[in-house]
Amino acid sequence: MRRLESAPGLDGLVAAVGRVARALPEGAVDSWLRGIPVGHALHPFLTDLPIGFWASSLALDLRGRASEESAADALVALGLLSAAPAAVTGLAEWRRLDRPDSRTGALHASLNGVAVGLFGASLAARRAGSRSAGVGLSLAAAAVTAASGYLGGHLAIGKKAGSRHPGFAEPAAP
């Protein structure tokens, strides 16, 4: 991870993600996106939705039952829809990261973008009647999602990104 965090080659990616993140509103909206009013970062639990939908779709796909194909396709679509709130809350948190962590976060965000693109292509292939291509694209997307999740987990757990705000601090012992 230190190699990623100290890689100036990622700074172009940081700049690109920064342009997108700067489009998000500041103030109260930013506070809500980062979970300050509820005392917990929103991004980590919002990522469970797309990951869960996509993993469930793959489970149905791998069972190979024709009767479950429409459910698998619907789960891919739900994953795509639920990825948007996860992305927006992640970008709101990303804006507060220092340079080393912003490099890891930019790669995490970019991999998520690739995964969303692959799942979108999977859904398009499925709807076009190319089930095997759709499943293959979902498998590739799942691999990218796993790599991205590793980076996101490092940021959330190893670096405490998104939970450094004083609003998330544990109350002092009496």
Protein backbone atom coordinates (compact mmCIF):
# COMPACT_ATOMS: atom_id res chain seq x y z
CA MET A 1 0.00 0.00 0.00
CA ARG A 2 2.87 2.36 0.71
CA ARG A 3 3.95 2.08 -2.91
CA LEU A 4 0.52 3.25 -4.05
CA GLU A 5 0.41 6.02 -1.48
CA SER A 6 3.79 7.34 -2.60
CA ALA A 7 3.28 6.91 -6.36
CA PRO A 8 3.30 10.34 -8.05
CA GLY A 9 2.14 8.57 -11.21
CA LEU A 10 -1.33 8.47 -9.65
CA ASP A 11 -1.51 12.25 -9.29
CA GLY A 12 -3.16 12.65 -12.71
CA LEU A 13 -5.85 10.27 -11.55
CA VAL A 14 -6.14 12.24 -8.29
CA ALA A 15 -6.67 15.42 -10.34
CA ALA A 16 -9.36 13.77 -12.47
CA VAL A 17 -11.24 12.41 -9.44
CA GLY A 18 -10.83 15.82 -7.81
CA ARG A 19 -12.62 17.52 -10.70
CA VAL A 20 -15.60 15.22 -10.19
CA ALA A 21 -15.54 15.55 -6.40
CA ARG A 22 -15.46 19.35 -6.56
CA ALA A 23 -18.84 19.27 -8.33
CA LEU A 24 -20.46 18.05 -5.11
CA PRO A 25 -22.08 20.70 -2.92
CA GLU A 26 -20.41 21.91 0.26
CA GLY A 27 -22.07 22.84 3.55
CA ALA A 28 -25.02 20.91 4.92
CA VAL A 29 -25.27 18.59 1.91
CA ASP A 30 -21.60 17.65 2.26
CA SER A 31 -22.11 17.06 5.97
CA TRP A 32 -24.98 14.67 5.24
CA LEU A 33 -23.04 12.91 2.48
CA ARG A 34 -20.26 12.25 4.97
CA GLY A 35 -22.75 11.07 7.64
CA ILE A 36 -21.88 13.73 10.20
CA PRO A 37 -25.48 14.26 11.43
CA VAL A 38 -25.97 10.53 12.01
CA GLY A 39 -22.57 10.00 13.63
CA HIS A 40 -21.27 7.45 11.12
CA ALA A 41 -19.79 7.61 7.64
CA LEU A 42 -22.42 6.57 5.07
CA HIS A 43 -20.14 5.31 2.32
CA PRO A 44 -19.06 2.01 3.92
CA PHE A 45 -22.55 0.67 4.45
CA LEU A 46 -23.90 2.04 1.16
CA THR A 47 -21.30 -0.05 -0.67
CA ASP A 48 -22.97 -3.17 0.72
CA LEU A 49 -25.95 -2.63 -1.57
CA PRO A 50 -24.30 -2.81 -5.00
CA ILE A 51 -21.85 -5.49 -3.84
CA GLY A 52 -24.71 -7.54 -2.41
CA PHE A 53 -26.89 -7.17 -5.50
CA TRP A 54 -24.04 -8.07 -7.83
CA ALA A 55 -22.86 -11.02 -5.74
CA SER A 56 -26.44 -12.31 -5.60
CA SER A 57 -26.81 -11.97 -9.36
CA LEU A 58 -23.64 -13.98 -9.87
CA ALA A 59 -24.87 -16.65 -7.47
CA LEU A 60 -28.02 -17.01 -9.56
CA ASP A 61 -26.02 -16.94 -12.80
CA LEU A 62 -23.69 -19.67 -11.62
CA ARG A 63 -26.64 -21.88 -10.68
CA GLY A 64 -27.48 -21.79 -14.38
CA ARG A 65 -31.25 -22.04 -14.07
CA ALA A 66 -33.22 -20.37 -16.84
CA SER A 67 -36.02 -19.61 -14.37
CA GLU A 68 -33.61 -17.36 -12.40
CA GLU A 69 -32.20 -15.36 -15.31
CA SER A 70 -34.61 -12.44 -15.02
CA ALA A 71 -33.94 -12.19 -11.27
CA ALA A 72 -30.18 -12.18 -11.91
CA ASP A 73 -30.60 -9.44 -14.52
CA ALA A 74 -32.74 -7.38 -12.14
CA LEU A 75 -30.07 -7.70 -9.45
CA VAL A 76 -27.41 -6.40 -11.85
CA ALA A 77 -29.66 -3.40 -12.57
CA LEU A 78 -30.30 -2.79 -8.86
CA GLY A 79 -26.55 -2.91 -8.26
CA LEU A 80 -26.04 -0.24 -10.91
CA LEU A 81 -28.72 1.98 -9.37
CA SER A 82 -27.37 1.59 -5.85
CA ALA A 83 -23.80 2.30 -6.94
CA ALA A 84 -24.61 6.00 -7.41
CA PRO A 85 -25.22 6.84 -3.72
CA ALA A 86 -22.15 4.82 -2.76
CA ALA A 87 -20.06 6.76 -5.27
CA VAL A 88 -21.34 10.18 -4.20
CA THR A 89 -20.74 9.54 -0.51
CA GLY A 90 -17.31 8.12 -1.30
CA LEU A 91 -16.37 11.23 -3.26
CA ALA A 92 -17.52 13.44 -0.39
CA GLU A 93 -15.19 11.56 1.96
CA TRP A 94 -12.38 11.48 -0.61
CA ARG A 95 -12.25 15.29 -0.70
CA ARG A 96 -10.96 15.28 2.88
CA LEU A 97 -8.09 12.83 2.37
CA ASP A 98 -4.42 13.79 2.46
CA ARG A 99 -2.29 13.19 -0.64
CA PRO A 100 -1.11 9.65 0.10
CA ASP A 101 -4.62 8.45 0.91
CA SER A 102 -6.13 10.42 -1.97
CA ARG A 103 -3.97 8.40 -4.36
CA THR A 104 -5.33 5.14 -2.98
CA GLY A 105 -8.83 6.60 -2.97
CA ALA A 106 -8.57 7.79 -6.56
CA LEU A 107 -7.53 4.32 -7.68
CA HIS A 108 -10.38 2.84 -5.59
CA ALA A 109 -12.89 5.22 -7.23
CA SER A 110 -11.52 4.53 -10.70
CA LEU A 111 -11.72 0.78 -10.25
CA ASN A 112 -15.31 1.22 -9.09
CA GLY A 113 -15.99 3.15 -12.28
CA VAL A 114 -14.53 0.29 -14.31
CA ALA A 115 -16.67 -2.21 -12.38
CA VAL A 116 -19.82 -0.15 -12.98
CA GLY A 117 -18.97 0.03 -16.68
CA LEU A 118 -18.48 -3.73 -16.84
CA PHE A 119 -21.72 -4.42 -14.98
CA GLY A 120 -23.48 -1.96 -17.29
CA ALA A 121 -22.07 -3.81 -20.30
CA SER A 122 -23.17 -7.06 -18.67
CA LEU A 123 -26.72 -5.80 -18.37
CA ALA A 124 -26.70 -4.61 -21.98
CA ALA A 125 -25.42 -8.00 -23.18
CA ARG A 126 -28.04 -9.81 -21.13
CA ARG A 127 -30.82 -7.65 -22.56
CA ALA A 128 -29.47 -8.22 -26.08
CA GLY A 129 -29.79 -11.97 -25.55
CA SER A 130 -26.11 -12.74 -25.05
CA ARG A 131 -26.35 -14.39 -21.65
CA SER A 132 -22.88 -15.96 -21.65
CA ALA A 133 -21.24 -12.63 -22.51
CA GLY A 134 -23.28 -10.94 -19.80
CA VAL A 135 -22.23 -13.47 -17.19
CA GLY A 136 -18.60 -13.23 -18.31
CA LEU A 137 -18.68 -9.46 -18.00
CA SER A 138 -20.20 -9.78 -14.53
CA LEU A 139 -17.40 -12.14 -13.50
CA ALA A 140 -14.79 -9.65 -14.73
CA ALA A 141 -16.62 -6.84 -12.95
CA ALA A 142 -16.69 -8.85 -9.73
CA ALA A 143 -12.91 -9.28 -9.89
CA VAL A 144 -12.45 -5.53 -10.33
CA THR A 145 -14.91 -4.90 -7.48
CA ALA A 146 -12.90 -7.18 -5.21
CA ALA A 147 -9.66 -5.32 -5.98
CA SER A 148 -11.39 -2.00 -5.38
CA GLY A 149 -12.92 -3.30 -2.17
CA TYR A 150 -9.47 -4.22 -0.91
CA LEU A 151 -8.33 -0.63 -1.43
CA GLY A 152 -11.52 0.75 0.12
CA GLY A 153 -11.16 -1.53 3.11
CA HIS A 154 -7.59 -0.34 3.61
CA LEU A 155 -8.80 3.27 3.59
CA ALA A 156 -11.77 2.67 5.88
CA ILE A 157 -10.18 0.32 8.38
CA GLY A 158 -6.45 0.76 8.10
CA LYS A 159 -6.47 4.51 7.61
CA LYS A 160 -9.79 5.39 9.30
CA ALA A 161 -10.71 7.50 6.27
CA GLY A 162 -14.20 8.90 6.60
CA SER A 163 -14.26 8.47 10.37
CA ARG A 164 -11.74 11.12 11.43
CA HIS A 165 -14.35 13.83 11.92
CA PRO A 166 -14.86 14.86 15.57
CA GLY A 167 -18.55 13.99 15.18
CA PHE A 168 -17.52 10.34 15.01
CA ALA A 169 -15.34 10.42 18.13
CA GLU A 170 -16.14 8.11 21.01
CA PRO A 171 -17.51 9.95 24.04
CA ALA A 172 -15.02 10.43 26.85
CA ALA A 173 -15.25 7.92 29.66
CA PRO A 174 -16.90 9.30 32.83
